[in-house]
Amino acid sequence: MKLKHIILTAIRGLKSQLTRSALTILGIVIGIAAIIIIMSLGEGAQKLIIDQVSGLGPETVTLRPGKDDTDITSALYAQSLTKNDVEALKRKQNVPNLASISPSLVVSDPIEYRGDAFRAMVIGGNVEFFAEVLNIVVADGDLYTREDIEQQARVIVIGDTLKTDIFGHERAVGEFVQIKGHQFKIVGVFADSPTVGALEINKIAFLPYTSAQTYITGTNYYNELMIRADSPENVEKMAYDITLTMRDQHDIDFDEDDDFNVQTQEDVIARIETIINVFTAFLVAVVAISLVVGGIGIMNIMLVSVSERTKEIGLRKALGARSKDILRQFLTEAIILTGIGGVIGIVVGTAVSALAAVVLAQTVAENWTFTFPILGAVLGVGVSVAVGLIFGIYPANEASKKSPIEALRYE
C-alpha cells in the first residue's frame, strides 16, 4: 500500500471521530505551548539582563572581596579592599592597562528630609566614573568632583525618581538631606535613566566614598572596586595583572586561594546565560511530563479506536490489506494527531508569549522584547511526532495482529 493512500486513510479515520481526536491532542497542545512560552520568556529575560549588564561596557572589570563572587552579603562586610590596594593598582608598573578606578561602598542608612525617611540605594563612590561608565547625564546641577572626594565634601547627587519622592516638583539642587545625622548638600540630579544591571539609576544616590567612610560607615575599606581598561582588547590582560597585584598586596602564597575575585563583563554574561539556560531546561523538563501524560492518553484513545474499528480492520484484511498496512495506518494516525497538536501548541504558545512580552514591557521593563524560540519550535514538533510514534506503536501493533475472520465476527 502506497504512503499516500496510508495517509489519506489515516486522515479519513481521524475525521470520522473529530471530537475525540481534538480532545486526544489537548494534552500535547498544552505541553508544547508551555514549552514555547517558557523558552520564549527565558530568552527574553536573558536578553534583557545581558543588555543591562552590558551597559557597564566591555572594558569594565569588577574587583570584590571574598573567594566566592556569589556571596554578596559576605562581600559587603569583608575588609580586604583598602586604599593601599587602590594605590597599588594605580601604579603603571603593576597594571599598565588601567585607565581609571573607583572604589565604592554601600550605605545602608536611609536618606532623611524634614523628618521623613526615604529608602534608596546610597553608594559612596566616584560619581564622574559611574556617570561615564553608565552613560548617565545630569538634568539639574552638576556632579561632584575629584576635589570633593579628596576633601571629604558632604555633597550628594540623586536620581530622578528619588528627587520626585523627596521634593515633588520643587527644585532639589541646593537643598540639604540627612544621612545618619549628617547634612549633605544636593549638587546634582540625574536625568531619567534606564536600569543598568542591579542599579536602578532613578532611585540611586551617590556621595564621595571618603565622605561615606568618614561620616557614615566609619570604615577604611571598600565593598567593591570598579576598574576600566584602556581598551576592550586589554581587559583579560588587565584582569590578570590585577590578580597578580592583589595576591602580592595580600601576601597570598602560590598554593593559597585568592581572598578576592575579579570579574570581567564576559564572565558575568556567561554566568547569567548558564543560570537562565539551566533554569529554563529544568522548567521544560517539568513541562515534558505533561507530554508523557498526553502520550498515554493518545495510546489509550488509539486502543479504544482499534477496538471500535475491529470490523473495519477485518474487512480490509479480507480485501487484501497486509498486517504491516494496518500497522502503518494506525501509526500514521497517531503521528498525524500529535503532529497537529504540536503545530497548534506552537501557535498558541507563540501568541501567549507575544502577549506576555507586551504586558511585561508595560509593567516590568519597557525594553522587554518578544523572542520566538526557534529551538523550542523545532523541539516541539520533534517531540510531538516522537510521542505519536512511541505511544502509537502498541495500539497499531495490536490492530495489525487481528485475524480477519475473528475481526469480521466481532460484535
Protein backbone atom coordinates (compact mmCIF):
# COMPACT_ATOMS: atom_id res chain seq x y z
CA MET A 1 0.00 0.00 0.00
CA LYS A 2 1.42 3.37 -1.01
CA LEU A 3 2.27 6.00 1.59
CA LYS A 4 -0.19 8.44 0.01
CA HIS A 5 -3.07 6.00 0.47
CA ILE A 6 -1.98 5.21 4.03
CA ILE A 7 -2.01 8.91 4.93
CA LEU A 8 -5.40 9.54 3.28
CA THR A 9 -6.88 6.51 5.03
CA ALA A 10 -5.49 7.71 8.36
CA ILE A 11 -6.95 11.19 7.84
CA ARG A 12 -10.37 9.72 7.00
CA GLY A 13 -10.19 7.65 10.17
CA LEU A 14 -9.43 10.72 12.27
CA LYS A 15 -12.17 12.77 10.61
CA SER A 16 -14.75 10.13 11.50
CA GLN A 17 -14.03 10.79 15.18
CA LEU A 18 -13.31 14.53 15.06
CA THR A 19 -14.31 15.41 18.64
CA ARG A 20 -12.38 12.52 20.09
CA SER A 21 -9.34 13.44 18.01
CA ALA A 22 -9.47 17.04 19.21
CA LEU A 23 -9.70 16.00 22.87
CA THR A 24 -6.92 13.47 22.36
CA ILE A 25 -4.37 16.09 21.28
CA LEU A 26 -5.29 18.57 24.02
CA GLY A 27 -2.52 17.34 26.32
CA ILE A 28 0.03 17.66 23.50
CA VAL A 29 -1.17 21.20 22.67
CA ILE A 30 -0.86 22.32 26.30
CA GLY A 31 2.57 20.70 26.72
CA ILE A 32 4.08 22.17 23.53
CA ALA A 33 2.53 25.60 24.20
CA ALA A 34 4.03 25.60 27.70
CA ILE A 35 7.48 24.74 26.30
CA ILE A 36 7.26 27.60 23.78
CA ILE A 37 6.13 30.07 26.49
CA ILE A 38 8.89 29.05 28.92
CA MET A 39 11.64 29.17 26.31
CA SER A 40 10.40 32.46 24.86
CA LEU A 41 10.20 34.17 28.26
CA GLY A 42 13.55 32.65 29.23
CA GLU A 43 15.24 34.05 26.13
CA GLY A 44 13.54 37.41 26.64
CA ALA A 45 14.73 37.60 30.25
CA GLN A 46 18.23 36.56 29.25
CA LYS A 47 18.41 39.21 26.54
CA LEU A 48 17.08 41.88 28.92
CA ILE A 49 19.56 41.06 31.69
CA ILE A 50 22.52 40.79 29.33
CA ASP A 51 21.63 44.13 27.71
CA GLN A 52 21.53 45.73 31.14
CA VAL A 53 24.78 44.15 32.32
CA SER A 54 26.46 45.08 29.05
CA GLY A 55 25.67 48.70 29.92
CA LEU A 56 28.77 48.69 32.12
CA GLY A 57 30.88 48.36 28.98
CA PRO A 58 33.16 45.52 27.85
CA GLU A 59 36.24 47.30 29.23
CA THR A 60 34.94 47.32 32.83
CA VAL A 61 36.28 44.92 35.45
CA THR A 62 34.85 44.46 38.93
CA LEU A 63 37.02 43.57 41.92
CA ARG A 64 35.25 42.35 45.05
CA PRO A 65 36.44 40.89 48.35
CA GLY A 66 35.87 37.22 49.15
CA LYS A 67 36.61 33.97 47.33
CA ASP A 68 33.04 33.45 46.15
CA ASP A 69 31.63 36.24 43.97
CA THR A 70 28.08 34.95 44.52
CA ASP A 71 28.16 35.60 48.26
CA ILE A 72 27.20 39.29 48.16
CA THR A 73 26.44 39.53 51.89
CA SER A 74 29.94 38.42 52.87
CA ALA A 75 31.43 40.84 50.34
CA LEU A 76 29.61 43.77 51.94
CA TYR A 77 31.24 43.05 55.29
CA ALA A 78 34.65 41.90 54.08
CA GLN A 79 37.52 44.23 54.91
CA SER A 80 40.14 43.14 52.40
CA LEU A 81 39.93 46.03 49.88
CA THR A 82 41.65 49.16 51.15
CA LYS A 83 43.21 52.42 49.98
CA ASN A 84 46.62 50.68 49.77
CA ASP A 85 45.16 48.23 47.23
CA VAL A 86 43.84 51.11 45.13
CA GLU A 87 47.21 52.84 45.18
CA ALA A 88 48.97 49.60 44.18
CA LEU A 89 46.58 49.04 41.28
CA LYS A 90 47.07 52.62 40.05
CA ARG A 91 50.83 52.09 39.61
CA LYS A 92 51.58 51.64 35.90
CA GLN A 93 54.25 49.03 36.56
CA ASN A 94 51.61 46.84 38.23
CA VAL A 95 48.57 47.33 35.96
CA PRO A 96 49.72 49.18 32.82
CA ASN A 97 46.35 48.94 31.07
CA LEU A 98 44.32 50.54 33.88
CA ALA A 99 42.59 53.69 32.63
CA SER A 100 40.52 54.61 35.70
CA ILE A 101 39.40 53.15 39.01
CA SER A 102 36.65 53.92 41.51
CA PRO A 103 36.26 52.46 44.98
CA SER A 104 32.68 52.11 46.16
CA LEU A 105 30.81 51.12 49.27
CA VAL A 106 27.15 50.65 50.06
CA VAL A 107 25.47 52.84 52.67
CA SER A 108 22.60 51.07 54.41
CA ASP A 109 21.18 54.14 56.19
CA PRO A 110 18.14 55.89 54.68
CA ILE A 111 18.04 59.45 53.39
CA GLU A 112 16.09 61.81 55.66
CA TYR A 113 14.42 65.11 54.83
CA ARG A 114 12.34 67.14 57.24
CA GLY A 115 11.78 64.15 59.50
CA ASP A 116 10.75 61.74 56.74
CA ALA A 117 12.96 58.76 55.80
CA PHE A 118 13.37 57.64 52.19
CA ARG A 119 14.83 54.26 51.25
CA ALA A 120 17.25 54.40 48.34
CA MET A 121 20.40 52.73 47.09
CA VAL A 122 23.07 55.04 48.52
CA ILE A 123 26.55 54.45 47.16
CA GLY A 124 29.81 56.05 48.17
CA GLY A 125 31.92 56.31 45.04
CA ASN A 126 33.32 58.43 42.26
CA VAL A 127 30.19 59.75 40.55
CA GLU A 128 32.10 61.00 37.50
CA PHE A 129 33.44 57.48 36.93
CA PHE A 130 29.99 55.92 37.21
CA ALA A 131 28.37 58.58 35.04
CA GLU A 132 30.88 57.85 32.29
CA VAL A 133 30.57 54.06 32.57
CA LEU A 134 26.78 54.04 32.77
CA ASN A 135 26.20 56.90 30.30
CA ILE A 136 24.24 58.92 32.85
CA VAL A 137 23.57 62.61 32.25
CA VAL A 138 22.67 65.32 34.77
CA ALA A 139 19.31 67.04 34.40
CA ASP A 140 19.97 69.73 37.02
CA GLY A 141 23.08 70.92 38.82
CA ASP A 142 26.39 69.11 38.36
CA LEU A 143 28.42 66.12 39.54
CA TYR A 144 30.76 66.41 42.49
CA THR A 145 34.44 66.38 41.56
CA ARG A 146 37.65 64.59 42.48
CA GLU A 147 38.47 67.54 44.75
CA ASP A 148 35.22 66.94 46.62
CA ILE A 149 36.30 63.33 47.15
CA GLU A 150 39.74 64.36 48.41
CA GLN A 151 38.23 66.97 50.74
CA GLN A 152 35.53 64.59 52.06
CA ALA A 153 32.89 67.09 50.99
CA ARG A 154 29.34 66.49 52.22
CA VAL A 155 27.71 66.56 48.81
CA ILE A 156 25.32 64.17 47.10
CA VAL A 157 23.82 63.51 43.64
CA ILE A 158 20.40 61.81 43.45
CA GLY A 159 18.28 60.05 40.83
CA ASP A 160 15.22 61.47 39.10
CA THR A 161 12.59 59.33 40.88
CA LEU A 162 14.25 59.80 44.27
CA LYS A 163 14.21 63.58 43.74
CA THR A 164 10.47 63.45 42.97
CA ASP A 165 9.77 61.25 46.00
CA ILE A 166 11.52 63.71 48.33
CA PHE A 167 10.87 67.13 46.80
CA GLY A 168 7.98 66.60 44.40
CA HIS A 169 8.07 69.29 41.69
CA GLU A 170 10.30 71.61 43.70
CA ARG A 171 13.97 72.08 42.78
CA ALA A 172 16.29 69.81 44.76
CA VAL A 173 19.71 71.29 43.92
CA GLY A 174 20.96 73.36 46.83
CA GLU A 175 18.74 71.61 49.38
CA PHE A 176 20.16 69.52 52.24
CA VAL A 177 19.28 65.94 53.18
CA GLN A 178 20.48 63.94 56.17
CA ILE A 179 22.16 60.54 56.36
CA LYS A 180 22.89 59.20 59.83
CA GLY A 181 22.56 62.68 61.31
CA HIS A 182 24.95 64.38 58.86
CA GLN A 183 23.86 67.04 56.38
CA PHE A 184 24.62 66.51 52.69
CA LYS A 185 24.05 69.18 50.05
CA ILE A 186 22.39 68.09 46.80
CA VAL A 187 24.59 69.33 43.97
CA GLY A 188 23.03 67.43 41.09
CA VAL A 189 20.04 65.39 39.91
CA PHE A 190 20.34 62.65 37.28
CA ALA A 191 18.09 62.72 34.24
CA ASP A 192 15.51 59.94 33.88
CA SER A 193 17.66 56.87 33.14
CA PRO A 194 17.08 53.15 32.46
CA THR A 195 18.09 50.50 34.97
CA VAL A 196 21.56 49.05 34.39
CA GLY A 197 22.08 45.61 35.90
CA ALA A 198 21.10 45.87 39.59
CA LEU A 199 21.45 49.67 39.56
CA GLU A 200 18.12 51.48 39.33
CA ILE A 201 19.61 54.86 38.43
CA ASN A 202 16.40 56.80 39.07
CA LYS A 203 16.34 55.66 42.71
CA ILE A 204 20.06 55.91 43.44
CA ALA A 205 22.16 58.43 45.38
CA PHE A 206 25.92 58.98 45.06
CA LEU A 207 28.20 60.67 47.57
CA PRO A 208 32.02 60.70 47.78
CA TYR A 209 33.33 57.40 49.15
CA THR A 210 35.64 59.32 51.51
CA SER A 211 32.65 61.17 52.92
CA ALA A 212 30.72 57.93 53.33
CA GLN A 213 33.64 56.39 55.24
CA THR A 214 34.22 59.45 57.43
CA TYR A 215 30.67 60.46 58.33
CA ILE A 216 28.55 57.33 57.91
CA THR A 217 30.24 53.92 57.93
CA GLY A 218 33.36 54.76 59.93
CA THR A 219 35.32 52.16 57.96
CA ASN A 220 38.54 52.24 55.96
CA TYR A 221 37.69 49.54 53.43
CA TYR A 222 35.61 49.26 50.28
CA ASN A 223 32.90 46.85 49.16
CA GLU A 224 33.99 46.96 45.53
CA LEU A 225 36.45 48.42 43.05
CA MET A 226 35.28 49.29 39.54
CA ILE A 227 38.17 49.36 37.09
CA ARG A 228 38.26 50.33 33.42
CA ALA A 229 40.83 49.17 30.90
CA ASP A 230 42.29 51.44 28.23
CA SER A 231 40.59 49.25 25.59
CA PRO A 232 38.28 46.18 25.50
CA GLU A 233 41.11 44.16 23.90
CA ASN A 234 43.25 44.57 27.04
CA VAL A 235 40.60 43.54 29.56
CA GLU A 236 41.81 39.97 30.04
CA LYS A 237 45.43 41.10 30.42
CA MET A 238 44.37 43.78 32.91
CA ALA A 239 42.34 41.24 34.90
CA TYR A 240 45.43 39.02 35.09
CA ASP A 241 47.61 41.93 36.24
CA ILE A 242 45.02 42.88 38.86
CA THR A 243 45.05 39.33 40.21
CA LEU A 244 48.85 39.26 40.47
CA THR A 245 48.94 42.68 42.14
CA MET A 246 46.24 41.80 44.66
CA ARG A 247 47.90 38.50 45.56
CA ASP A 248 51.12 40.37 46.20
CA GLN A 249 49.30 43.03 48.22
CA HIS A 250 47.59 40.45 50.41
CA ASP A 251 50.69 38.23 50.79
CA ILE A 252 48.94 35.21 49.30
CA ASP A 253 51.27 32.24 48.70
CA PHE A 254 51.21 30.42 45.37
CA ASP A 255 49.35 27.43 46.89
CA GLU A 256 46.68 29.55 48.60
CA ASP A 257 43.34 30.70 47.21
CA ASP A 258 42.60 34.35 46.50
CA ASP A 259 40.70 36.33 49.14
CA PHE A 260 39.15 38.41 46.35
CA ASN A 261 37.53 37.81 42.96
CA VAL A 262 37.96 39.58 39.64
CA GLN A 263 35.09 39.61 37.16
CA THR A 264 35.01 40.81 33.58
CA GLN A 265 31.72 41.55 31.85
CA GLU A 266 32.16 38.43 29.72
CA ASP A 267 32.36 36.37 32.91
CA VAL A 268 29.14 37.91 34.19
CA ILE A 269 27.31 37.39 30.90
CA ALA A 270 28.48 33.77 30.64
CA ARG A 271 27.27 33.10 34.18
CA ILE A 272 23.89 34.70 33.54
CA GLU A 273 23.43 32.66 30.35
CA THR A 274 24.31 29.45 32.18
CA ILE A 275 21.93 30.13 35.07
CA ILE A 276 18.98 31.05 32.84
CA ASN A 277 19.62 28.14 30.44
CA VAL A 278 19.75 25.64 33.31
CA PHE A 279 16.60 27.08 34.87
CA THR A 280 14.78 27.03 31.51
CA ALA A 281 15.88 23.44 30.86
CA PHE A 282 14.57 22.44 34.28
CA LEU A 283 11.17 24.02 33.61
CA VAL A 284 11.00 22.43 30.16
CA ALA A 285 11.77 19.04 31.74
CA VAL A 286 8.93 19.55 34.22
CA VAL A 287 6.54 20.54 31.43
CA ALA A 288 7.65 17.50 29.42
CA ILE A 289 5.79 15.36 31.97
CA SER A 290 2.54 16.67 30.50
CA LEU A 291 3.66 15.37 27.11
CA VAL A 292 4.12 11.91 28.59
CA VAL A 293 0.63 12.13 30.09
CA GLY A 294 -0.67 13.30 26.72
CA GLY A 295 1.11 10.38 25.02
CA ILE A 296 -0.51 7.89 27.40
CA GLY A 297 -3.86 9.48 26.62
CA ILE A 298 -3.22 9.05 22.89
CA MET A 299 -2.29 5.39 23.40
CA ASN A 300 -5.47 4.83 25.39
CA ILE A 301 -7.68 6.50 22.79
CA MET A 302 -5.95 4.62 19.97
CA LEU A 303 -6.60 1.32 21.75
CA VAL A 304 -10.28 2.24 22.05
CA SER A 305 -10.29 3.19 18.38
CA VAL A 306 -8.74 -0.16 17.42
CA SER A 307 -11.44 -1.97 19.41
CA GLU A 308 -14.26 0.06 17.82
CA ARG A 309 -12.88 -0.43 14.30
CA THR A 310 -12.29 -4.18 14.57
CA LYS A 311 -14.75 -4.97 11.78
CA GLU A 312 -13.13 -2.35 9.55
CA ILE A 313 -9.74 -3.99 10.16
CA GLY A 314 -11.20 -7.45 9.37
CA LEU A 315 -12.82 -6.18 6.17
CA ARG A 316 -9.62 -4.51 4.98
CA LYS A 317 -7.60 -7.64 5.66
CA ALA A 318 -10.20 -9.76 3.86
CA LEU A 319 -9.81 -7.47 0.84
CA GLY A 320 -6.03 -7.98 0.81
CA ALA A 321 -4.58 -5.44 3.25
CA ARG A 322 -1.46 -6.77 4.92
CA SER A 323 -0.69 -6.59 8.64
CA LYS A 324 2.00 -4.00 8.00
CA ASP A 325 -0.52 -1.83 6.10
CA ILE A 326 -2.80 -1.84 9.16
CA LEU A 327 0.20 -1.12 11.40
CA ARG A 328 1.25 1.83 9.23
CA GLN A 329 -2.29 3.23 9.10
CA PHE A 330 -2.80 3.39 12.88
CA LEU A 331 0.77 4.53 13.47
CA THR A 332 0.25 7.30 10.89
CA GLU A 333 -2.96 8.32 12.65
CA ALA A 334 -1.08 8.69 15.94
CA ILE A 335 1.72 10.70 14.32
CA ILE A 336 -0.73 12.97 12.47
CA LEU A 337 -2.65 13.55 15.71
CA THR A 338 0.41 14.54 17.71
CA GLY A 339 1.91 16.47 14.79
CA ILE A 340 -1.22 18.60 14.53
CA GLY A 341 -1.16 19.02 18.31
CA GLY A 342 2.46 20.18 18.12
CA VAL A 343 1.71 22.79 15.44
CA ILE A 344 -1.33 24.11 17.34
CA GLY A 345 0.76 24.18 20.52
CA ILE A 346 3.44 26.27 18.79
CA VAL A 347 0.84 28.75 17.51
CA VAL A 348 -0.86 29.04 20.91
CA GLY A 349 2.46 29.27 22.76
CA THR A 350 3.73 31.96 20.40
CA ALA A 351 0.56 34.02 20.77
CA VAL A 352 0.63 33.80 24.57
CA SER A 353 4.37 34.60 24.65
CA ALA A 354 3.88 37.67 22.45
CA LEU A 355 1.05 38.88 24.67
CA ALA A 356 3.12 38.23 27.81
CA ALA A 357 6.02 40.21 26.31
CA VAL A 358 3.73 43.21 25.73
CA VAL A 359 2.43 43.03 29.32
CA LEU A 360 5.94 42.65 30.78
CA ALA A 361 7.19 45.57 28.69
CA GLN A 362 4.49 47.76 30.21
CA THR A 363 4.75 46.53 33.79
CA VAL A 364 8.28 45.17 34.41
CA ALA A 365 10.78 46.57 31.90
CA GLU A 366 9.99 48.73 28.89
CA ASN A 367 12.79 47.17 26.84
CA TRP A 368 11.49 43.61 27.30
CA THR A 369 11.10 42.20 23.79
CA PHE A 370 9.33 39.14 22.40
CA THR A 371 11.67 36.41 21.25
CA PHE A 372 10.47 33.49 19.16
CA PRO A 373 12.33 30.35 20.31
CA ILE A 374 13.26 28.59 17.07
CA LEU A 375 14.82 25.74 19.02
CA GLY A 376 11.62 25.44 21.04
CA ALA A 377 9.51 25.22 17.88
CA VAL A 378 11.75 22.56 16.34
CA LEU A 379 11.84 20.71 19.65
CA GLY A 380 8.06 20.98 19.95
CA VAL A 381 7.33 19.46 16.55
CA GLY A 382 10.01 16.81 17.00
CA VAL A 383 8.81 15.80 20.46
CA SER A 384 5.15 15.71 19.44
CA VAL A 385 5.89 13.46 16.47
CA ALA A 386 8.12 11.28 18.66
CA VAL A 387 5.33 10.98 21.22
CA GLY A 388 2.93 9.88 18.49
CA LEU A 389 5.45 7.35 17.22
CA ILE A 390 6.32 5.92 20.64
CA PHE A 391 2.81 5.78 22.11
CA GLY A 392 1.20 4.79 18.81
CA ILE A 393 3.29 1.68 18.22
CA TYR A 394 1.47 -0.55 20.72
CA PRO A 395 -2.12 0.23 19.52
CA ALA A 396 -1.01 -0.02 15.88
CA ASN A 397 0.69 -3.35 16.55
CA GLU A 398 -2.43 -4.66 18.30
CA ALA A 399 -4.52 -3.67 15.28
CA SER A 400 -2.16 -5.38 12.82
CA LYS A 401 -2.29 -8.69 14.74
CA LYS A 402 -6.04 -9.11 14.46
CA SER A 403 -7.24 -12.11 12.47
CA PRO A 404 -9.56 -11.11 9.60
CA ILE A 405 -12.06 -13.92 10.37
CA GLU A 406 -12.28 -13.09 14.10
CA ALA A 407 -12.42 -9.39 13.30
CA LEU A 408 -15.39 -9.83 10.96
CA ARG A 409 -17.22 -11.85 13.62
CA TYR A 410 -16.57 -9.16 16.28
CA GLU A 411 -19.69 -7.52 17.73
